[in-house]
Amino acid sequence: MKTTVKILTSMVMVFTIALASCSKDGVDGDAGAQGETGLQGPQGEQGPKGDKGDQGEPGTVNVMYSDWLDQDFNFSDEASYKSMRVIEAKLTQDFLNNGGIVLGFYRSSNNAVYQLPLVFDHASFAIRRDFVAIHFSDYGEVRFDVNSIDDTDLSEHELTGSSIAEPQYRYVMIPGGVSLSGRSSRPNFEKMSYEEIAAYFDLED
């Protein structure tokens, strides 16, 4: 009889354990502590070099230029010497000290444009047109001069030409110390025509 009871008791315990194994999972326990970081692996091989990018757009420089100015001899109006003066606040000593240059241009009555200085020496007239940029202690100015080469009185034809249109002047200020359009060397602007200067800096008339 005792043997039978023990067998039954053992069977009940086995059945209970089996039911417990098949029951729903219990509540999760607390997460364990994070393990230590492992050693860093070896550095991978360097990837292949990428393709060369396209060349950037040419840089520009802050060029300043005047409008076309009608001829007006407001500084000197002598018989053999005429001069037109324009006050320019941006023409500072720093501008000149840093390599800035100022170019002067003359547009004749027939619409031809010349960089100054310019000499006309013909049978009918002989004159020299000059340009100068000056900075004084507190202001800057540019001057457009007309001189008689032979010291005779300047005629109306020498001053205005044969056309009805009035001659005009313009000046262009190019700062120094600036890399122009990514070029390795600075062009000699004094040797360039007005058309080349206008195209180079995209000047507007």
N, C-alpha and C. Protein backbone atom coordinates (compact mmCIF):
# COMPACT_ATOMS: atom_id res chain seq x y z
N MET A 1 0.83 -1.20 0.00
CA MET A 1 0.00 0.00 0.00
C MET A 1 0.86 1.25 0.00
N LYS A 2 1.88 1.30 0.83
CA LYS A 2 2.80 2.42 0.88
C LYS A 2 3.49 2.61 -0.46
N THR A 3 3.80 1.49 -1.05
CA THR A 3 4.46 1.58 -2.35
C THR A 3 3.56 2.24 -3.36
N THR A 4 2.28 1.92 -3.32
CA THR A 4 1.31 2.51 -4.25
C THR A 4 1.17 3.99 -4.02
N VAL A 5 1.13 4.42 -2.76
CA VAL A 5 1.00 5.85 -2.43
C VAL A 5 2.20 6.61 -2.94
N LYS A 6 3.40 6.08 -2.74
CA LYS A 6 4.62 6.75 -3.20
C LYS A 6 4.62 6.92 -4.72
N ILE A 7 4.14 5.88 -5.41
CA ILE A 7 4.11 5.94 -6.86
C ILE A 7 3.15 7.02 -7.32
N LEU A 8 1.96 7.08 -6.67
CA LEU A 8 0.97 8.09 -7.02
C LEU A 8 1.49 9.48 -6.73
N THR A 9 2.16 9.60 -5.58
CA THR A 9 2.71 10.93 -5.22
C THR A 9 3.74 11.37 -6.24
N SER A 10 4.59 10.48 -6.66
CA SER A 10 5.62 10.81 -7.65
C SER A 10 4.99 11.20 -8.97
N MET A 11 3.94 10.52 -9.38
CA MET A 11 3.28 10.83 -10.63
C MET A 11 2.64 12.20 -10.58
N VAL A 12 2.04 12.54 -9.42
CA VAL A 12 1.43 13.88 -9.26
C VAL A 12 2.49 14.96 -9.38
N MET A 13 3.66 14.77 -8.79
CA MET A 13 4.73 15.77 -8.85
C MET A 13 5.23 15.94 -10.28
N VAL A 14 5.38 14.82 -11.00
CA VAL A 14 5.84 14.90 -12.38
C VAL A 14 4.83 15.64 -13.23
N PHE A 15 3.52 15.35 -13.01
CA PHE A 15 2.46 16.00 -13.77
C PHE A 15 2.42 17.49 -13.49
N THR A 16 2.66 17.85 -12.23
CA THR A 16 2.65 19.27 -11.84
C THR A 16 3.80 20.02 -12.49
N ILE A 17 4.97 19.38 -12.50
CA ILE A 17 6.14 20.01 -13.13
C ILE A 17 5.91 20.20 -14.62
N ALA A 18 5.27 19.22 -15.27
CA ALA A 18 5.00 19.31 -16.71
C ALA A 18 4.05 20.45 -17.01
N LEU A 19 3.02 20.61 -16.14
CA LEU A 19 2.09 21.72 -16.34
C LEU A 19 2.78 23.05 -16.15
N ALA A 20 3.65 23.12 -15.17
CA ALA A 20 4.37 24.38 -14.92
C ALA A 20 5.26 24.74 -16.10
N SER A 21 5.85 23.70 -16.74
CA SER A 21 6.73 23.94 -17.88
C SER A 21 5.94 24.47 -19.07
N CYS A 22 4.66 24.07 -19.21
CA CYS A 22 3.85 24.49 -20.34
C CYS A 22 3.09 25.77 -20.07
N SER A 23 3.14 26.30 -18.86
CA SER A 23 2.38 27.52 -18.52
C SER A 23 3.04 28.75 -19.13
N LYS A 24 2.32 29.90 -19.07
CA LYS A 24 2.79 31.20 -19.61
C LYS A 24 4.07 31.62 -18.91
N ASP A 25 4.99 32.28 -19.68
CA ASP A 25 6.24 32.75 -19.09
C ASP A 25 5.96 33.73 -17.98
N GLY A 26 6.85 33.76 -17.03
CA GLY A 26 6.72 34.69 -15.92
C GLY A 26 7.23 36.08 -16.28
N VAL A 27 7.22 36.99 -15.31
CA VAL A 27 7.70 38.36 -15.50
C VAL A 27 9.20 38.35 -15.72
N ASP A 28 9.68 39.20 -16.75
CA ASP A 28 11.12 39.25 -17.03
C ASP A 28 11.87 39.81 -15.84
N GLY A 29 13.02 39.28 -15.64
CA GLY A 29 13.87 39.80 -14.57
C GLY A 29 14.60 41.07 -14.99
N ASP A 30 15.27 41.75 -14.06
CA ASP A 30 16.03 42.96 -14.36
C ASP A 30 17.18 42.64 -15.31
N ALA A 31 17.47 43.65 -16.19
CA ALA A 31 18.57 43.46 -17.14
C ALA A 31 19.90 43.37 -16.40
N GLY A 32 20.74 42.54 -16.90
CA GLY A 32 22.06 42.41 -16.29
C GLY A 32 22.95 43.61 -16.60
N ALA A 33 24.03 43.75 -15.90
CA ALA A 33 24.98 44.85 -16.13
C ALA A 33 25.61 44.72 -17.52
N GLN A 34 25.86 45.90 -18.17
CA GLN A 34 26.46 45.89 -19.50
C GLN A 34 27.90 45.40 -19.43
N GLY A 35 28.23 44.58 -20.38
CA GLY A 35 29.59 44.05 -20.40
C GLY A 35 30.60 45.09 -20.84
N GLU A 36 31.86 44.84 -20.63
CA GLU A 36 32.92 45.77 -21.02
C GLU A 36 33.05 45.83 -22.54
N THR A 37 33.42 47.05 -23.03
CA THR A 37 33.62 47.24 -24.47
C THR A 37 34.80 46.41 -24.96
N GLY A 38 34.59 45.77 -26.09
CA GLY A 38 35.67 44.96 -26.62
C GLY A 38 36.77 45.79 -27.25
N LEU A 39 37.86 45.19 -27.58
CA LEU A 39 38.99 45.88 -28.21
C LEU A 39 38.62 46.34 -29.62
N GLN A 40 39.13 47.53 -30.02
CA GLN A 40 38.86 48.05 -31.35
C GLN A 40 39.55 47.20 -32.41
N GLY A 41 38.82 46.96 -33.46
CA GLY A 41 39.38 46.15 -34.53
C GLY A 41 40.41 46.91 -35.35
N PRO A 42 41.15 46.26 -36.19
CA PRO A 42 42.17 46.93 -37.02
C PRO A 42 41.52 47.87 -38.04
N GLN A 43 42.20 48.97 -38.39
CA GLN A 43 41.69 49.94 -39.36
C GLN A 43 41.62 49.32 -40.74
N GLY A 44 40.52 49.62 -41.43
CA GLY A 44 40.35 49.07 -42.76
C GLY A 44 41.24 49.77 -43.79
N GLU A 45 41.34 49.20 -44.96
CA GLU A 45 42.16 49.78 -46.02
C GLU A 45 41.51 51.06 -46.55
N GLN A 46 42.36 52.02 -46.99
CA GLN A 46 41.86 53.27 -47.55
C GLN A 46 41.16 53.02 -48.87
N GLY A 47 40.02 53.69 -49.05
CA GLY A 47 39.25 53.51 -50.27
C GLY A 47 39.93 54.16 -51.47
N PRO A 48 39.48 53.87 -52.67
CA PRO A 48 40.09 54.46 -53.88
C PRO A 48 39.84 55.97 -53.94
N LYS A 49 40.75 56.72 -54.56
CA LYS A 49 40.64 58.17 -54.70
C LYS A 49 39.50 58.51 -55.65
N GLY A 50 38.68 59.49 -55.24
CA GLY A 50 37.55 59.90 -56.05
C GLY A 50 37.98 60.68 -57.29
N ASP A 51 37.05 60.85 -58.20
CA ASP A 51 37.33 61.62 -59.41
C ASP A 51 37.54 63.09 -59.08
N LYS A 52 38.36 63.77 -59.87
CA LYS A 52 38.62 65.19 -59.68
C LYS A 52 37.38 65.99 -60.03
N GLY A 53 37.03 66.94 -59.17
CA GLY A 53 35.85 67.77 -59.40
C GLY A 53 36.06 68.76 -60.52
N ASP A 54 34.96 69.29 -61.00
CA ASP A 54 35.04 70.31 -62.05
C ASP A 54 35.66 71.59 -61.51
N GLN A 55 36.33 72.32 -62.38
CA GLN A 55 36.94 73.59 -61.98
C GLN A 55 35.85 74.60 -61.66
N GLY A 56 36.06 75.35 -60.58
CA GLY A 56 35.08 76.34 -60.16
C GLY A 56 35.03 77.52 -61.10
N GLU A 57 33.98 78.31 -60.92
CA GLU A 57 33.84 79.51 -61.73
C GLU A 57 34.94 80.51 -61.40
N PRO A 58 35.41 81.27 -62.38
CA PRO A 58 36.45 82.27 -62.11
C PRO A 58 35.99 83.26 -61.07
N GLY A 59 36.91 83.64 -60.18
CA GLY A 59 36.59 84.63 -59.17
C GLY A 59 36.54 86.02 -59.78
N THR A 60 35.86 86.89 -59.12
CA THR A 60 35.78 88.27 -59.59
C THR A 60 36.34 89.19 -58.54
N VAL A 61 36.70 90.35 -58.99
CA VAL A 61 37.26 91.34 -58.09
C VAL A 61 36.31 92.53 -58.07
N ASN A 62 36.30 93.23 -56.95
CA ASN A 62 35.36 94.33 -56.77
C ASN A 62 35.82 95.56 -57.54
N VAL A 63 35.66 95.52 -58.83
CA VAL A 63 36.07 96.63 -59.69
C VAL A 63 35.02 97.74 -59.62
N MET A 64 35.49 98.97 -59.55
CA MET A 64 34.61 100.13 -59.53
C MET A 64 34.84 100.95 -60.80
N TYR A 65 33.79 101.45 -61.38
CA TYR A 65 33.96 102.25 -62.60
C TYR A 65 32.87 103.31 -62.67
N SER A 66 33.22 104.40 -63.32
CA SER A 66 32.29 105.52 -63.43
C SER A 66 31.36 105.34 -64.62
N ASP A 67 30.36 106.20 -64.68
CA ASP A 67 29.57 106.32 -65.90
C ASP A 67 30.43 107.02 -66.96
N TRP A 68 29.93 107.06 -68.16
CA TRP A 68 30.58 107.88 -69.18
C TRP A 68 30.26 109.34 -68.88
N LEU A 69 31.30 110.15 -68.71
CA LEU A 69 31.16 111.54 -68.29
C LEU A 69 31.40 112.48 -69.46
N ASP A 70 30.49 113.41 -69.65
CA ASP A 70 30.67 114.40 -70.71
C ASP A 70 31.89 115.27 -70.43
N GLN A 71 32.56 115.67 -71.48
CA GLN A 71 33.73 116.53 -71.36
C GLN A 71 33.33 117.88 -70.75
N ASP A 72 33.97 118.23 -69.66
CA ASP A 72 33.68 119.49 -68.96
C ASP A 72 34.97 119.97 -68.30
N PHE A 73 35.59 120.97 -68.86
CA PHE A 73 36.88 121.45 -68.35
C PHE A 73 36.66 122.36 -67.14
N ASN A 74 36.32 121.73 -66.02
CA ASN A 74 35.96 122.45 -64.80
C ASN A 74 37.16 122.77 -63.91
N PHE A 75 38.33 122.25 -64.24
CA PHE A 75 39.51 122.48 -63.40
C PHE A 75 40.46 123.50 -64.03
N SER A 76 40.65 123.39 -65.33
CA SER A 76 41.48 124.36 -66.05
C SER A 76 40.93 124.53 -67.46
N ASP A 77 40.86 125.78 -67.89
CA ASP A 77 40.32 126.07 -69.22
C ASP A 77 41.20 127.09 -69.93
N GLU A 78 42.50 126.82 -69.91
CA GLU A 78 43.46 127.71 -70.57
C GLU A 78 43.45 127.48 -72.08
N ALA A 79 44.08 128.37 -72.80
CA ALA A 79 44.05 128.29 -74.26
C ALA A 79 44.73 127.04 -74.79
N SER A 80 45.84 126.63 -74.15
CA SER A 80 46.59 125.47 -74.64
C SER A 80 46.56 124.28 -73.67
N TYR A 81 45.79 124.42 -72.60
CA TYR A 81 45.71 123.34 -71.60
C TYR A 81 44.31 123.32 -70.99
N LYS A 82 43.68 122.16 -71.05
CA LYS A 82 42.35 121.98 -70.49
C LYS A 82 42.40 120.80 -69.51
N SER A 83 41.60 120.88 -68.46
CA SER A 83 41.59 119.80 -67.48
C SER A 83 40.20 119.65 -66.87
N MET A 84 39.79 118.40 -66.76
CA MET A 84 38.50 118.05 -66.15
C MET A 84 38.79 117.24 -64.88
N ARG A 85 38.19 117.65 -63.77
CA ARG A 85 38.45 116.99 -62.49
C ARG A 85 37.17 116.33 -61.97
N VAL A 86 37.35 115.11 -61.41
CA VAL A 86 36.24 114.38 -60.80
C VAL A 86 36.68 113.93 -59.41
N ILE A 87 35.96 114.34 -58.37
CA ILE A 87 36.26 113.90 -57.01
C ILE A 87 35.76 112.47 -56.84
N GLU A 88 36.62 111.60 -56.30
CA GLU A 88 36.28 110.18 -56.11
C GLU A 88 36.61 109.77 -54.68
N ALA A 89 35.58 109.56 -53.85
CA ALA A 89 35.78 109.23 -52.44
C ALA A 89 36.45 107.87 -52.24
N LYS A 90 36.26 106.95 -53.18
CA LYS A 90 36.82 105.60 -53.03
C LYS A 90 38.29 105.53 -53.42
N LEU A 91 38.80 106.61 -53.97
CA LEU A 91 40.23 106.65 -54.31
C LEU A 91 41.00 107.08 -53.06
N THR A 92 41.32 106.11 -52.21
CA THR A 92 41.99 106.37 -50.95
C THR A 92 43.48 106.03 -51.05
N GLN A 93 44.23 106.47 -50.03
CA GLN A 93 45.65 106.14 -50.01
C GLN A 93 45.85 104.65 -49.83
N ASP A 94 44.98 104.01 -49.04
CA ASP A 94 45.07 102.55 -48.86
C ASP A 94 44.86 101.83 -50.20
N PHE A 95 43.94 102.33 -50.99
CA PHE A 95 43.69 101.72 -52.30
C PHE A 95 44.96 101.75 -53.15
N LEU A 96 45.65 102.88 -53.16
CA LEU A 96 46.87 103.01 -53.95
C LEU A 96 48.03 102.23 -53.33
N ASN A 97 48.14 102.28 -51.99
CA ASN A 97 49.25 101.58 -51.31
C ASN A 97 49.16 100.07 -51.49
N ASN A 98 47.95 99.55 -51.61
CA ASN A 98 47.75 98.10 -51.76
C ASN A 98 47.81 97.64 -53.21
N GLY A 99 48.32 98.50 -54.08
CA GLY A 99 48.51 98.09 -55.47
C GLY A 99 47.34 98.36 -56.38
N GLY A 100 46.35 99.12 -55.91
CA GLY A 100 45.22 99.45 -56.77
C GLY A 100 45.64 100.36 -57.92
N ILE A 101 45.01 100.18 -59.05
CA ILE A 101 45.32 101.03 -60.21
C ILE A 101 44.02 101.66 -60.72
N VAL A 102 44.17 102.80 -61.37
CA VAL A 102 43.03 103.51 -61.95
C VAL A 102 43.33 103.74 -63.43
N LEU A 103 42.44 103.29 -64.27
CA LEU A 103 42.60 103.45 -65.72
C LEU A 103 41.63 104.51 -66.23
N GLY A 104 42.11 105.34 -67.15
CA GLY A 104 41.27 106.36 -67.74
C GLY A 104 41.03 106.08 -69.21
N PHE A 105 39.81 106.35 -69.68
CA PHE A 105 39.45 106.09 -71.07
C PHE A 105 38.77 107.31 -71.68
N TYR A 106 39.02 107.49 -72.94
CA TYR A 106 38.45 108.60 -73.72
C TYR A 106 37.61 108.03 -74.85
N ARG A 107 36.36 108.47 -74.94
CA ARG A 107 35.50 108.05 -76.04
C ARG A 107 35.29 109.25 -76.95
N SER A 108 35.79 109.13 -78.17
CA SER A 108 35.73 110.25 -79.11
C SER A 108 34.31 110.45 -79.61
N SER A 109 34.13 111.53 -80.33
CA SER A 109 32.79 111.86 -80.84
C SER A 109 32.30 110.86 -81.88
N ASN A 110 33.20 110.08 -82.46
CA ASN A 110 32.77 109.04 -83.41
C ASN A 110 32.65 107.67 -82.75
N ASN A 111 32.63 107.67 -81.40
CA ASN A 111 32.37 106.49 -80.57
C ASN A 111 33.53 105.51 -80.49
N ALA A 112 34.71 105.91 -80.89
CA ALA A 112 35.91 105.08 -80.68
C ALA A 112 36.43 105.33 -79.27
N VAL A 113 36.86 104.25 -78.59
CA VAL A 113 37.31 104.36 -77.20
C VAL A 113 38.80 104.04 -77.12
N TYR A 114 39.54 104.90 -76.41
CA TYR A 114 40.99 104.75 -76.26
C TYR A 114 41.35 104.80 -74.78
N GLN A 115 42.36 104.01 -74.43
CA GLN A 115 42.91 104.14 -73.08
C GLN A 115 43.92 105.29 -73.07
N LEU A 116 43.90 106.08 -72.01
CA LEU A 116 44.79 107.22 -71.88
C LEU A 116 46.09 106.82 -71.17
N PRO A 117 47.22 107.50 -71.48
CA PRO A 117 47.35 108.68 -72.34
C PRO A 117 47.27 108.33 -73.82
N LEU A 118 46.95 109.37 -74.60
CA LEU A 118 46.76 109.20 -76.03
C LEU A 118 47.26 110.45 -76.75
N VAL A 119 48.03 110.24 -77.81
CA VAL A 119 48.58 111.36 -78.59
C VAL A 119 47.98 111.35 -79.98
N PHE A 120 47.43 112.49 -80.38
CA PHE A 120 46.97 112.71 -81.76
C PHE A 120 47.93 113.72 -82.39
N ASP A 121 48.69 113.29 -83.34
CA ASP A 121 49.65 114.18 -83.99
C ASP A 121 49.46 114.07 -85.50
N HIS A 122 48.61 114.94 -86.01
CA HIS A 122 48.30 114.93 -87.43
C HIS A 122 48.60 116.30 -88.02
N ALA A 123 48.43 116.41 -89.30
CA ALA A 123 48.69 117.69 -89.97
C ALA A 123 47.74 118.77 -89.49
N SER A 124 46.50 118.36 -89.18
CA SER A 124 45.49 119.35 -88.79
C SER A 124 45.51 119.68 -87.30
N PHE A 125 46.01 118.79 -86.48
CA PHE A 125 46.08 119.08 -85.04
C PHE A 125 47.10 118.18 -84.37
N ALA A 126 47.58 118.65 -83.22
CA ALA A 126 48.58 117.89 -82.45
C ALA A 126 48.28 118.09 -80.96
N ILE A 127 47.69 117.09 -80.34
CA ILE A 127 47.32 117.19 -78.93
C ILE A 127 47.66 115.90 -78.20
N ARG A 128 47.72 116.01 -76.91
CA ARG A 128 47.94 114.86 -76.05
C ARG A 128 46.84 114.85 -74.98
N ARG A 129 46.17 113.72 -74.86
CA ARG A 129 45.16 113.54 -73.82
C ARG A 129 45.77 112.67 -72.72
N ASP A 130 45.72 113.18 -71.50
CA ASP A 130 46.31 112.50 -70.36
C ASP A 130 45.26 112.17 -69.31
N PHE A 131 45.66 111.26 -68.42
CA PHE A 131 44.80 110.89 -67.29
C PHE A 131 45.68 110.71 -66.07
N VAL A 132 45.22 111.20 -64.93
CA VAL A 132 45.97 111.03 -63.69
C VAL A 132 45.00 110.81 -62.54
N ALA A 133 45.38 109.93 -61.62
CA ALA A 133 44.60 109.68 -60.40
C ALA A 133 45.45 110.10 -59.21
N ILE A 134 44.89 110.93 -58.34
CA ILE A 134 45.65 111.51 -57.23
C ILE A 134 44.87 111.35 -55.94
N HIS A 135 45.60 111.10 -54.85
CA HIS A 135 44.98 111.15 -53.53
C HIS A 135 45.68 112.20 -52.69
N PHE A 136 44.90 113.12 -52.16
CA PHE A 136 45.42 114.13 -51.26
C PHE A 136 45.18 113.68 -49.82
N SER A 137 45.39 114.56 -48.87
CA SER A 137 45.30 114.17 -47.46
C SER A 137 43.91 113.70 -47.06
N ASP A 138 42.88 114.26 -47.65
CA ASP A 138 41.53 113.92 -47.22
C ASP A 138 40.57 113.58 -48.36
N TYR A 139 41.04 113.48 -49.57
CA TYR A 139 40.15 113.10 -50.67
C TYR A 139 40.99 112.65 -51.87
N GLY A 140 40.31 111.99 -52.80
CA GLY A 140 40.96 111.56 -54.03
C GLY A 140 40.27 112.17 -55.23
N GLU A 141 40.97 112.27 -56.32
CA GLU A 141 40.39 112.81 -57.54
C GLU A 141 41.08 112.23 -58.76
N VAL A 142 40.37 112.25 -59.87
CA VAL A 142 40.94 111.88 -61.16
C VAL A 142 40.83 113.09 -62.08
N ARG A 143 41.78 113.20 -63.01
CA ARG A 143 41.79 114.32 -63.94
C ARG A 143 41.98 113.82 -65.36
N PHE A 144 41.27 114.45 -66.25
CA PHE A 144 41.40 114.20 -67.68
C PHE A 144 41.92 115.49 -68.31
N ASP A 145 43.11 115.44 -68.88
CA ASP A 145 43.77 116.64 -69.40
C ASP A 145 43.90 116.59 -70.92
N VAL A 146 43.89 117.78 -71.51
CA VAL A 146 44.17 117.93 -72.94
C VAL A 146 45.25 118.99 -73.08
N ASN A 147 46.36 118.63 -73.70
CA ASN A 147 47.48 119.55 -73.88
C ASN A 147 47.78 119.76 -75.36
N SER A 148 48.13 120.98 -75.70
CA SER A 148 48.61 121.26 -77.05
C SER A 148 50.09 120.87 -77.12
N ILE A 149 50.44 120.01 -78.05
CA ILE A 149 51.83 119.56 -78.15
C ILE A 149 52.75 120.69 -78.57
N ASP A 150 52.29 121.55 -79.45
CA ASP A 150 53.15 122.64 -79.94
C ASP A 150 52.88 123.97 -79.23
N ASP A 151 52.14 123.92 -78.11
CA ASP A 151 51.84 125.10 -77.29
C ASP A 151 50.99 126.15 -78.00
N THR A 152 50.38 125.77 -79.08
CA THR A 152 49.43 126.68 -79.73
C THR A 152 48.06 126.51 -79.09
N ASP A 153 47.18 127.46 -79.35
CA ASP A 153 45.84 127.38 -78.78
C ASP A 153 45.10 126.15 -79.31
N LEU A 154 44.39 125.51 -78.41
CA LEU A 154 43.61 124.34 -78.79
C LEU A 154 42.37 124.78 -79.57
N SER A 155 42.16 124.16 -80.70
CA SER A 155 41.00 124.50 -81.52
C SER A 155 39.79 123.67 -81.10
N GLU A 156 38.63 124.11 -81.54
CA GLU A 156 37.40 123.37 -81.24
C GLU A 156 37.45 121.98 -81.87
N HIS A 157 38.03 121.89 -83.03
CA HIS A 157 38.15 120.59 -83.70
C HIS A 157 39.05 119.66 -82.90
N GLU A 158 40.13 120.17 -82.33
CA GLU A 158 41.03 119.35 -81.51
C GLU A 158 40.34 118.87 -80.24
N LEU A 159 39.45 119.67 -79.70
CA LEU A 159 38.80 119.34 -78.43
C LEU A 159 37.59 118.44 -78.58
N THR A 160 36.86 118.60 -79.66
CA THR A 160 35.61 117.86 -79.79
C THR A 160 35.56 116.94 -80.99
N GLY A 161 36.45 117.09 -81.95
CA GLY A 161 36.40 116.25 -83.13
C GLY A 161 35.42 116.78 -84.15
N SER A 162 35.16 115.97 -85.15
CA SER A 162 34.34 116.41 -86.28
C SER A 162 32.86 116.08 -86.12
N SER A 163 32.52 115.26 -85.14
CA SER A 163 31.13 114.85 -84.97
C SER A 163 30.40 115.81 -84.03
N ILE A 164 29.08 115.78 -84.11
CA ILE A 164 28.27 116.62 -83.22
C ILE A 164 28.30 116.08 -81.80
N ALA A 165 28.44 114.76 -81.64
CA ALA A 165 28.44 114.15 -80.31
C ALA A 165 29.61 114.67 -79.48
N GLU A 166 29.36 114.82 -78.16
CA GLU A 166 30.38 115.33 -77.26
C GLU A 166 31.31 114.19 -76.82
N PRO A 167 32.63 114.44 -76.77
CA PRO A 167 33.55 113.43 -76.24
C PRO A 167 33.22 113.11 -74.78
N GLN A 168 33.55 111.89 -74.37
CA GLN A 168 33.26 111.47 -73.00
C GLN A 168 34.47 110.76 -72.40
N TYR A 169 34.43 110.64 -71.05
CA TYR A 169 35.52 110.01 -70.31
C TYR A 169 34.94 109.03 -69.30
N ARG A 170 35.76 108.05 -68.97
CA ARG A 170 35.39 107.07 -67.94
C ARG A 170 36.66 106.63 -67.25
N TYR A 171 36.55 106.30 -65.95
CA TYR A 171 37.69 105.72 -65.23
C TYR A 171 37.26 104.42 -64.57
N VAL A 172 38.22 103.50 -64.46
CA VAL A 172 37.99 102.17 -63.88
C VAL A 172 39.01 101.95 -62.77
N MET A 173 38.53 101.58 -61.58
CA MET A 173 39.40 101.36 -60.42
C MET A 173 39.50 99.86 -60.15
N ILE A 174 40.71 99.33 -60.21
CA ILE A 174 40.96 97.90 -60.01
C ILE A 174 41.78 97.72 -58.74
N PRO A 175 41.21 97.12 -57.69
CA PRO A 175 41.96 96.94 -56.44
C PRO A 175 43.16 96.03 -56.63
N GLY A 176 44.18 96.24 -55.83
CA GLY A 176 45.36 95.38 -55.86
C GLY A 176 45.28 94.31 -54.79
N GLY A 177 46.24 93.38 -54.82
CA GLY A 177 46.31 92.34 -53.79
C GLY A 177 45.20 91.34 -53.86
N VAL A 178 44.57 91.18 -55.01
CA VAL A 178 43.47 90.24 -55.16
C VAL A 178 43.78 89.29 -56.30
N SER A 179 43.50 87.99 -56.06
CA SER A 179 43.69 87.01 -57.12
C SER A 179 42.57 87.16 -58.13
N LEU A 180 42.91 87.49 -59.35
CA LEU A 180 41.91 87.78 -60.36
C LEU A 180 41.58 86.55 -61.18
N SER A 181 40.33 86.09 -61.05
CA SER A 181 39.80 85.01 -61.88
C SER A 181 40.65 83.74 -61.83
N GLY A 182 41.32 83.51 -60.71
CA GLY A 182 42.09 82.29 -60.56
C GLY A 182 43.31 82.22 -61.44
N ARG A 183 43.70 83.30 -62.07
CA ARG A 183 44.86 83.27 -62.96
C ARG A 183 46.14 83.35 -62.15
N SER A 184 47.19 82.76 -62.68
CA SER A 184 48.45 82.69 -61.95
C SER A 184 49.17 84.02 -61.91
N SER A 185 48.90 84.90 -62.87
CA SER A 185 49.57 86.19 -62.91
C SER A 185 48.57 87.28 -63.26
N ARG A 186 48.86 88.48 -62.80
CA ARG A 186 47.97 89.60 -63.04
C ARG A 186 48.22 90.17 -64.44
N PRO A 187 47.19 90.33 -65.24
CA PRO A 187 47.39 90.89 -66.58
C PRO A 187 47.90 92.32 -66.52
N ASN A 188 48.52 92.75 -67.58
CA ASN A 188 48.97 94.13 -67.69
C ASN A 188 47.82 94.95 -68.26
N PHE A 189 46.98 95.47 -67.36
CA PHE A 189 45.78 96.16 -67.80
C PHE A 189 46.10 97.43 -68.57
N GLU A 190 47.25 98.04 -68.28
CA GLU A 190 47.62 99.28 -68.98
C GLU A 190 47.86 99.05 -70.47
N LYS A 191 48.11 97.81 -70.86
CA LYS A 191 48.38 97.48 -72.26
C LYS A 191 47.14 96.92 -72.98
N MET A 192 46.05 96.82 -72.27
CA MET A 192 44.85 96.23 -72.86
C MET A 192 43.94 97.32 -73.44
N SER A 193 43.20 96.96 -74.45
CA SER A 193 42.24 97.89 -75.04
C SER A 193 41.02 98.01 -74.13
N TYR A 194 40.21 99.02 -74.40
CA TYR A 194 39.00 99.16 -73.60
C TYR A 194 38.08 97.96 -73.78
N GLU A 195 37.97 97.46 -74.98
CA GLU A 195 37.11 96.30 -75.24
C GLU A 195 37.57 95.09 -74.43
N GLU A 196 38.88 94.91 -74.31
CA GLU A 196 39.41 93.79 -73.52
C GLU A 196 39.13 94.00 -72.04
N ILE A 197 39.31 95.23 -71.56
CA ILE A 197 39.01 95.53 -70.16
C ILE A 197 37.52 95.31 -69.87
N ALA A 198 36.67 95.82 -70.75
CA ALA A 198 35.23 95.70 -70.56
C ALA A 198 34.79 94.24 -70.54
N ALA A 199 35.37 93.43 -71.41
CA ALA A 199 35.02 92.01 -71.44
C ALA A 199 35.57 91.28 -70.22
N TYR A 200 36.77 91.65 -69.79
CA TYR A 200 37.42 90.99 -68.66
C TYR A 200 36.62 91.18 -67.37
N PHE A 201 36.12 92.39 -67.17
CA PHE A 201 35.41 92.71 -65.93
C PHE A 201 33.90 92.86 -66.13
N ASP A 202 33.42 92.57 -67.33
CA ASP A 202 31.99 92.64 -67.61
C ASP A 202 31.44 94.03 -67.30
N LEU A 203 32.10 95.04 -67.82
CA LEU A 203 31.66 96.42 -67.59
C LEU A 203 30.41 96.72 -68.40
N GLU A 204 29.55 97.54 -67.84
CA GLU A 204 28.34 97.96 -68.53
C GLU A 204 28.49 99.39 -69.01
N ASP A 205 28.04 99.66 -70.22
CA ASP A 205 28.08 101.03 -70.75
C ASP A 205 26.85 101.80 -70.28
